């Protein structure tokens, strides 16, 4: 395992821990998009169906179980994103563009495509409310960092292992792009900031406007 995949997995684990700490500390799911969490639960459930059929390593199986077990939390007041506009087209795309037309492969492809846009309900919710708690921004930062590191992991594997997966790379690029404005504000404005100014968050808001 290369260092980029390992640090990516650790960043993902950190995001999950921060999310759980936020809920435990505040006794509330306020500011967390339940729809994004449901999409992530769908992503990892469909991706890791091979837990029932194959064992690769203890580390691999443990990380899969953690990802699947952390499911939906909910704040319904501003969580109004129409997730069917994501799930239905992505389901169709997974049937049309995949590596192998088999049930497990189609579900894996579906999970890759869906993960690339699963954060949109959360970003839409923040854009709608105009603010985010400090701990929520930490959660989003580590979640975005996890995907950015996985992109580097794919590049590493191409150069040192000769392995190339166009579906995973394209989906990873799309997902990382969605986080770009957030990364910029997180680094330049500090750990706690407001999103209400459209000039500060124009790129991601333009993407959200399309859906």
C-alpha atoms as a PDB file:
ATOM      1  CA  UNK A   1       0.000   0.000   0.000  1.00  0.00           C
ATOM      2  CA  UNK A   2       1.389   3.407  -0.944  1.00  0.00           C
ATOM      3  CA  UNK A   3       1.497   6.335   1.454  1.00  0.00           C
ATOM      4  CA  UNK A   4      -1.122   8.336  -0.459  1.00  0.00           C
ATOM      5  CA  UNK A   5      -3.760   5.644  -0.163  1.00  0.00           C
ATOM      6  CA  UNK A   6      -2.936   5.162   3.521  1.00  0.00           C
ATOM      7  CA  UNK A   7      -3.144   8.880   4.337  1.00  0.00           C
ATOM      8  CA  UNK A   8      -6.295   9.122   2.228  1.00  0.00           C
ATOM      9  CA  UNK A   9      -7.899   6.343   4.283  1.00  0.00           C
ATOM     10  CA  UNK A  10      -6.778   8.042   7.502  1.00  0.00           C
ATOM     11  CA  UNK A  11      -8.276  11.336   6.315  1.00  0.00           C
ATOM     12  CA  UNK A  12     -11.549   9.555   5.587  1.00  0.00           C
ATOM     13  CA  UNK A  13     -11.467   7.972   9.033  1.00  0.00           C
ATOM     14  CA  UNK A  14     -10.725  11.382  10.585  1.00  0.00           C
ATOM     15  CA  UNK A  15     -13.754  12.850   8.793  1.00  0.00           C
ATOM     16  CA  UNK A  16     -15.983  10.092  10.180  1.00  0.00           C
ATOM     17  CA  UNK A  17     -14.636  10.591  13.718  1.00  0.00           C
ATOM     18  CA  UNK A  18     -15.123  14.375  13.487  1.00  0.00           C
ATOM     19  CA  UNK A  19     -18.705  13.854  12.304  1.00  0.00           C
ATOM     20  CA  UNK A  20     -19.461  11.549  15.239  1.00  0.00           C
ATOM     21  CA  UNK A  21     -17.752  13.944  17.681  1.00  0.00           C
ATOM     22  CA  UNK A  22     -19.824  16.830  16.342  1.00  0.00           C
ATOM     23  CA  UNK A  23     -23.043  14.890  16.973  1.00  0.00           C
ATOM     24  CA  UNK A  24     -21.907  13.753  20.428  1.00  0.00           C
ATOM     25  CA  UNK A  25     -20.612  17.177  21.491  1.00  0.00           C
ATOM     26  CA  UNK A  26     -23.604  19.219  20.336  1.00  0.00           C
ATOM     27  CA  UNK A  27     -26.243  16.503  20.814  1.00  0.00           C
ATOM     28  CA  UNK A  28     -27.515  17.675  17.468  1.00  0.00           C
ATOM     29  CA  UNK A  29     -27.255  16.963  13.743  1.00  0.00           C
ATOM     30  CA  UNK A  30     -27.748  20.638  12.878  1.00  0.00           C
ATOM     31  CA  UNK A  31     -25.730  21.646   9.847  1.00  0.00           C
ATOM     32  CA  UNK A  32     -25.260  18.068   8.653  1.00  0.00           C
ATOM     33  CA  UNK A  33     -27.053  17.020   5.484  1.00  0.00           C
ATOM     34  CA  UNK A  34     -28.884  13.762   6.090  1.00  0.00           C
ATOM     35  CA  UNK A  35     -29.260  13.358   2.340  1.00  0.00           C
ATOM     36  CA  UNK A  36     -25.496  13.459   1.820  1.00  0.00           C
ATOM     37  CA  UNK A  37     -25.092  10.873   4.591  1.00  0.00           C
ATOM     38  CA  UNK A  38     -27.716   8.627   2.993  1.00  0.00           C
ATOM     39  CA  UNK A  39     -25.927   8.915  -0.349  1.00  0.00           C
ATOM     40  CA  UNK A  40     -22.597   8.029   1.271  1.00  0.00           C
ATOM     41  CA  UNK A  41     -24.241   5.034   2.987  1.00  0.00           C
ATOM     42  CA  UNK A  42     -25.561   3.946  -0.424  1.00  0.00           C
ATOM     43  CA  UNK A  43     -22.118   4.483  -1.953  1.00  0.00           C
ATOM     44  CA  UNK A  44     -20.251   2.244   0.464  1.00  0.00           C
ATOM     45  CA  UNK A  45     -22.965  -0.386   0.776  1.00  0.00           C
ATOM     46  CA  UNK A  46     -23.027  -0.871  -3.002  1.00  0.00           C
ATOM     47  CA  UNK A  47     -19.231  -0.706  -3.293  1.00  0.00           C
ATOM     48  CA  UNK A  48     -18.390  -3.206  -0.595  1.00  0.00           C
ATOM     49  CA  UNK A  49     -20.782  -6.009  -1.429  1.00  0.00           C
ATOM     50  CA  UNK A  50     -17.624  -8.051  -2.010  1.00  0.00           C
ATOM     51  CA  UNK A  51     -17.265  -8.253   1.779  1.00  0.00           C
ATOM     52  CA  UNK A  52     -19.658 -11.195   1.444  1.00  0.00           C
ATOM     53  CA  UNK A  53     -17.618 -12.945  -1.239  1.00  0.00           C
ATOM     54  CA  UNK A  54     -13.923 -12.036  -0.919  1.00  0.00           C
ATOM     55  CA  UNK A  55     -11.310 -11.352   1.777  1.00  0.00           C
ATOM     56  CA  UNK A  56      -8.283  -9.258   0.780  1.00  0.00           C
ATOM     57  CA  UNK A  57      -6.791  -8.271   4.135  1.00  0.00           C
ATOM     58  CA  UNK A  58      -7.813  -7.394   7.684  1.00  0.00           C
ATOM     59  CA  UNK A  59      -7.079  -3.709   7.020  1.00  0.00           C
ATOM     60  CA  UNK A  60      -9.153  -3.712   3.823  1.00  0.00           C
ATOM     61  CA  UNK A  61     -12.121  -5.433   5.442  1.00  0.00           C
ATOM     62  CA  UNK A  62     -11.969  -3.245   8.568  1.00  0.00           C
ATOM     63  CA  UNK A  63     -12.023   0.003   6.574  1.00  0.00           C
ATOM     64  CA  UNK A  64     -14.938  -1.282   4.493  1.00  0.00           C
ATOM     65  CA  UNK A  65     -16.934  -2.131   7.625  1.00  0.00           C
ATOM     66  CA  UNK A  66     -16.281   1.310   9.132  1.00  0.00           C
ATOM     67  CA  UNK A  67     -17.405   3.090   5.959  1.00  0.00           C
ATOM     68  CA  UNK A  68     -20.582   1.026   5.666  1.00  0.00           C
ATOM     69  CA  UNK A  69     -21.545   1.280   9.346  1.00  0.00           C
ATOM     70  CA  UNK A  70     -21.483   5.103   9.595  1.00  0.00           C
ATOM     71  CA  UNK A  71     -24.818   5.924   7.993  1.00  0.00           C
ATOM     72  CA  UNK A  72     -27.338   8.714   7.979  1.00  0.00           C
ATOM     73  CA  UNK A  73     -27.654  11.618  10.377  1.00  0.00           C
ATOM     74  CA  UNK A  74     -30.212  14.237   9.636  1.00  0.00           C
ATOM     75  CA  UNK A  75     -31.073  17.926   9.764  1.00  0.00           C
ATOM     76  CA  UNK A  76     -34.233  18.353   7.719  1.00  0.00           C
ATOM     77  CA  UNK A  77     -34.787  22.098   8.040  1.00  0.00           C
ATOM     78  CA  UNK A  78     -32.613  23.102   5.093  1.00  0.00           C
ATOM     79  CA  UNK A  79     -31.830  19.684   3.600  1.00  0.00           C
ATOM     80  CA  UNK A  80     -33.909  20.110   0.452  1.00  0.00           C
ATOM     81  CA  UNK A  81     -31.588  18.918  -2.304  1.00  0.00           C
ATOM     82  CA  UNK A  82     -33.366  16.631  -4.831  1.00  0.00           C
ATOM     83  CA  UNK A  83     -31.154  13.542  -4.596  1.00  0.00           C
ATOM     84  CA  UNK A  84     -33.177  11.671  -7.228  1.00  0.00           C
ATOM     85  CA  UNK A  85     -31.604  14.010  -9.763  1.00  0.00           C
ATOM     86  CA  UNK A  86     -28.283  12.378  -8.844  1.00  0.00           C
ATOM     87  CA  UNK A  87     -29.196   8.746  -8.154  1.00  0.00           C
ATOM     88  CA  UNK A  88     -31.324   8.033 -11.242  1.00  0.00           C
ATOM     89  CA  UNK A  89     -28.941   9.394 -13.943  1.00  0.00           C
ATOM     90  CA  UNK A  90     -25.924   7.870 -12.193  1.00  0.00           C
ATOM     91  CA  UNK A  91     -27.665   4.494 -12.028  1.00  0.00           C
ATOM     92  CA  UNK A  92     -28.232   4.660 -15.777  1.00  0.00           C
ATOM     93  CA  UNK A  93     -24.644   5.740 -16.430  1.00  0.00           C
ATOM     94  CA  UNK A  94     -23.312   2.825 -14.373  1.00  0.00           C
ATOM     95  CA  UNK A  95     -25.203   0.403 -16.622  1.00  0.00           C
ATOM     96  CA  UNK A  96     -23.861   2.063 -19.767  1.00  0.00           C
ATOM     97  CA  UNK A  97     -20.239   2.812 -18.818  1.00  0.00           C
ATOM     98  CA  UNK A  98     -18.472   0.164 -16.737  1.00  0.00           C
ATOM     99  CA  UNK A  99     -15.531  -2.209 -16.914  1.00  0.00           C
ATOM    100  CA  UNK A 100     -17.617  -5.377 -16.964  1.00  0.00           C
ATOM    101  CA  UNK A 101     -21.356  -5.925 -17.257  1.00  0.00           C
ATOM    102  CA  UNK A 102     -21.771  -7.962 -14.092  1.00  0.00           C
ATOM    103  CA  UNK A 103     -23.858  -7.159 -10.973  1.00  0.00           C
ATOM    104  CA  UNK A 104     -20.905  -6.528  -8.630  1.00  0.00           C
ATOM    105  CA  UNK A 105     -19.028  -4.471 -11.219  1.00  0.00           C
ATOM    106  CA  UNK A 106     -22.089  -2.347 -12.024  1.00  0.00           C
ATOM    107  CA  UNK A 107     -22.678  -1.703  -8.320  1.00  0.00           C
ATOM    108  CA  UNK A 108     -19.001  -0.777  -7.857  1.00  0.00           C
ATOM    109  CA  UNK A 109     -19.182   1.615 -10.816  1.00  0.00           C
ATOM    110  CA  UNK A 110     -22.420   3.100  -9.482  1.00  0.00           C
ATOM    111  CA  UNK A 111     -20.729   3.721  -6.120  1.00  0.00           C
ATOM    112  CA  UNK A 112     -17.762   5.456  -7.754  1.00  0.00           C
ATOM    113  CA  UNK A 113     -19.980   7.757  -9.810  1.00  0.00           C
ATOM    114  CA  UNK A 114     -22.314   8.487  -6.896  1.00  0.00           C
ATOM    115  CA  UNK A 115     -19.513   9.253  -4.446  1.00  0.00           C
ATOM    116  CA  UNK A 116     -18.202  11.966  -6.752  1.00  0.00           C
ATOM    117  CA  UNK A 117     -21.383  14.020  -6.225  1.00  0.00           C
ATOM    118  CA  UNK A 118     -22.650  12.793  -2.822  1.00  0.00           C
ATOM    119  CA  UNK A 119     -21.344  15.913  -1.096  1.00  0.00           C
ATOM    120  CA  UNK A 120     -23.589  18.197  -3.193  1.00  0.00           C
ATOM    121  CA  UNK A 121     -26.559  18.097  -0.746  1.00  0.00           C
ATOM    122  CA  UNK A 122     -24.189  19.146   2.069  1.00  0.00           C
ATOM    123  CA  UNK A 123     -22.707  21.984   0.005  1.00  0.00           C
ATOM    124  CA  UNK A 124     -26.189  23.034  -1.093  1.00  0.00           C
ATOM    125  CA  UNK A 125     -27.313  23.097   2.532  1.00  0.00           C
ATOM    126  CA  UNK A 126     -24.374  25.294   3.578  1.00  0.00           C
ATOM    127  CA  UNK A 127     -24.972  27.582   0.605  1.00  0.00           C
ATOM    128  CA  UNK A 128     -28.633  27.895   1.619  1.00  0.00           C
ATOM    129  CA  UNK A 129     -27.998  28.631   5.301  1.00  0.00           C
ATOM    130  CA  UNK A 130     -24.977  30.857   4.650  1.00  0.00           C
ATOM    131  CA  UNK A 131     -22.862  29.444   7.477  1.00  0.00           C
ATOM    132  CA  UNK A 132     -21.104  26.367   8.825  1.00  0.00           C
ATOM    133  CA  UNK A 133     -19.921  25.385  12.293  1.00  0.00           C
ATOM    134  CA  UNK A 134     -16.189  25.015  12.834  1.00  0.00           C
ATOM    135  CA  UNK A 135     -16.410  21.284  13.434  1.00  0.00           C
ATOM    136  CA  UNK A 136     -18.490  20.840  10.262  1.00  0.00           C
ATOM    137  CA  UNK A 137     -15.818  22.612   8.202  1.00  0.00           C
ATOM    138  CA  UNK A 138     -13.200  20.235   9.659  1.00  0.00           C
ATOM    139  CA  UNK A 139     -15.368  17.277   8.648  1.00  0.00           C
ATOM    140  CA  UNK A 140     -15.708  18.584   5.084  1.00  0.00           C
ATOM    141  CA  UNK A 141     -12.006  19.399   4.835  1.00  0.00           C
ATOM    142  CA  UNK A 142     -10.885  15.883   5.758  1.00  0.00           C
ATOM    143  CA  UNK A 143     -13.539  14.358   3.524  1.00  0.00           C
ATOM    144  CA  UNK A 144     -12.263  16.402   0.589  1.00  0.00           C
ATOM    145  CA  UNK A 145      -8.646  15.679   1.495  1.00  0.00           C
ATOM    146  CA  UNK A 146      -9.409  11.957   1.406  1.00  0.00           C
ATOM    147  CA  UNK A 147     -10.512  12.189  -2.243  1.00  0.00           C
ATOM    148  CA  UNK A 148      -7.630  14.478  -3.251  1.00  0.00           C
ATOM    149  CA  UNK A 149      -5.120  12.011  -1.766  1.00  0.00           C
ATOM    150  CA  UNK A 150      -6.813   9.152  -3.575  1.00  0.00           C
ATOM    151  CA  UNK A 151      -6.293  11.017  -6.832  1.00  0.00           C
ATOM    152  CA  UNK A 152      -2.575  11.116  -6.107  1.00  0.00           C
ATOM    153  CA  UNK A 153      -2.826   7.430  -5.219  1.00  0.00           C
ATOM    154  CA  UNK A 154      -4.137   6.667  -8.735  1.00  0.00           C
ATOM    155  CA  UNK A 155      -1.277   8.636 -10.291  1.00  0.00           C
ATOM    156  CA  UNK A 156       1.209   6.781  -8.081  1.00  0.00           C
ATOM    157  CA  UNK A 157      -0.239   3.418  -9.103  1.00  0.00           C
ATOM    158  CA  UNK A 158      -0.066   4.340 -12.783  1.00  0.00           C
ATOM    159  CA  UNK A 159       3.634   5.252 -12.638  1.00  0.00           C
ATOM    160  CA  UNK A 160       4.828   2.540 -10.255  1.00  0.00           C
ATOM    161  CA  UNK A 161       2.382  -0.314 -10.839  1.00  0.00           C
ATOM    162  CA  UNK A 162       1.163   0.315 -14.372  1.00  0.00           C
ATOM    163  CA  UNK A 163      -2.428   0.309 -13.091  1.00  0.00           C
ATOM    164  CA  UNK A 164      -4.907   2.771 -14.597  1.00  0.00           C
ATOM    165  CA  UNK A 165      -8.638   3.089 -13.889  1.00  0.00           C
ATOM    166  CA  UNK A 166     -10.266   5.825 -15.962  1.00  0.00           C
ATOM    167  CA  UNK A 167     -13.631   5.583 -14.184  1.00  0.00           C
ATOM    168  CA  UNK A 168     -12.116   6.092 -10.728  1.00  0.00           C
ATOM    169  CA  UNK A 169      -9.826   8.901 -11.900  1.00  0.00           C
ATOM    170  CA  UNK A 170     -12.518  10.903 -13.706  1.00  0.00           C
ATOM    171  CA  UNK A 171     -14.922  10.524 -10.778  1.00  0.00           C
ATOM    172  CA  UNK A 172     -12.166  11.560  -8.362  1.00  0.00           C
ATOM    173  CA  UNK A 173     -11.367  14.658 -10.422  1.00  0.00           C
ATOM    174  CA  UNK A 174     -15.041  15.680 -10.464  1.00  0.00           C
ATOM    175  CA  UNK A 175     -15.324  15.208  -6.704  1.00  0.00           C
ATOM    176  CA  UNK A 176     -12.134  17.140  -5.963  1.00  0.00           C
ATOM    177  CA  UNK A 177     -13.267  20.028  -8.177  1.00  0.00           C
ATOM    178  CA  UNK A 178     -16.466  20.315  -6.130  1.00  0.00           C
ATOM    179  CA  UNK A 179     -14.320  20.870  -3.033  1.00  0.00           C
ATOM    180  CA  UNK A 180     -11.952  23.447  -4.584  1.00  0.00           C
ATOM    181  CA  UNK A 181     -13.749  26.589  -3.382  1.00  0.00           C
ATOM    182  CA  UNK A 182     -14.189  25.063   0.058  1.00  0.00           C
ATOM    183  CA  UNK A 183     -10.478  24.181   0.286  1.00  0.00           C
ATOM    184  CA  UNK A 184      -9.531  27.727  -0.678  1.00  0.00           C
ATOM    185  CA  UNK A 185     -11.764  29.280   1.988  1.00  0.00           C
ATOM    186  CA  UNK A 186     -10.704  26.756   4.629  1.00  0.00           C
ATOM    187  CA  UNK A 187      -7.031  27.610   4.127  1.00  0.00           C
ATOM    188  CA  UNK A 188      -7.303  31.372   3.568  1.00  0.00           C
ATOM    189  CA  UNK A 189     -10.162  32.308   5.893  1.00  0.00           C
ATOM    190  CA  UNK A 190      -9.355  30.045   8.815  1.00  0.00           C
ATOM    191  CA  UNK A 191     -11.165  27.089  10.313  1.00  0.00           C
ATOM    192  CA  UNK A 192     -14.468  28.908  10.876  1.00  0.00           C
ATOM    193  CA  UNK A 193     -15.967  31.077   8.169  1.00  0.00           C
ATOM    194  CA  UNK A 194     -19.186  32.239   6.578  1.00  0.00           C
ATOM    195  CA  UNK A 195     -20.386  31.165   3.140  1.00  0.00           C
ATOM    196  CA  UNK A 196     -23.093  33.782   2.705  1.00  0.00           C
ATOM    197  CA  UNK A 197     -21.126  36.061   0.377  1.00  0.00           C
ATOM    198  CA  UNK A 198     -21.701  34.753  -3.183  1.00  0.00           C
ATOM    199  CA  UNK A 199     -18.428  36.290  -4.309  1.00  0.00           C
ATOM    200  CA  UNK A 200     -16.560  34.114  -1.807  1.00  0.00           C
ATOM    201  CA  UNK A 201     -18.127  30.852  -2.895  1.00  0.00           C
ATOM    202  CA  UNK A 202     -19.153  31.528  -6.469  1.00  0.00           C
ATOM    203  CA  UNK A 203     -17.621  28.459  -8.139  1.00  0.00           C
ATOM    204  CA  UNK A 204     -19.430  25.827  -6.135  1.00  0.00           C
ATOM    205  CA  UNK A 205     -22.649  27.854  -6.124  1.00  0.00           C
ATOM    206  CA  UNK A 206     -22.527  27.864  -9.930  1.00  0.00           C
ATOM    207  CA  UNK A 207     -22.314  24.072  -9.890  1.00  0.00           C
ATOM    208  CA  UNK A 208     -25.215  23.845  -7.434  1.00  0.00           C
ATOM    209  CA  UNK A 209     -27.279  26.144  -9.624  1.00  0.00           C
ATOM    210  CA  UNK A 210     -27.110  23.547 -12.402  1.00  0.00           C
ATOM    211  CA  UNK A 211     -28.927  20.976 -10.248  1.00  0.00           C
END
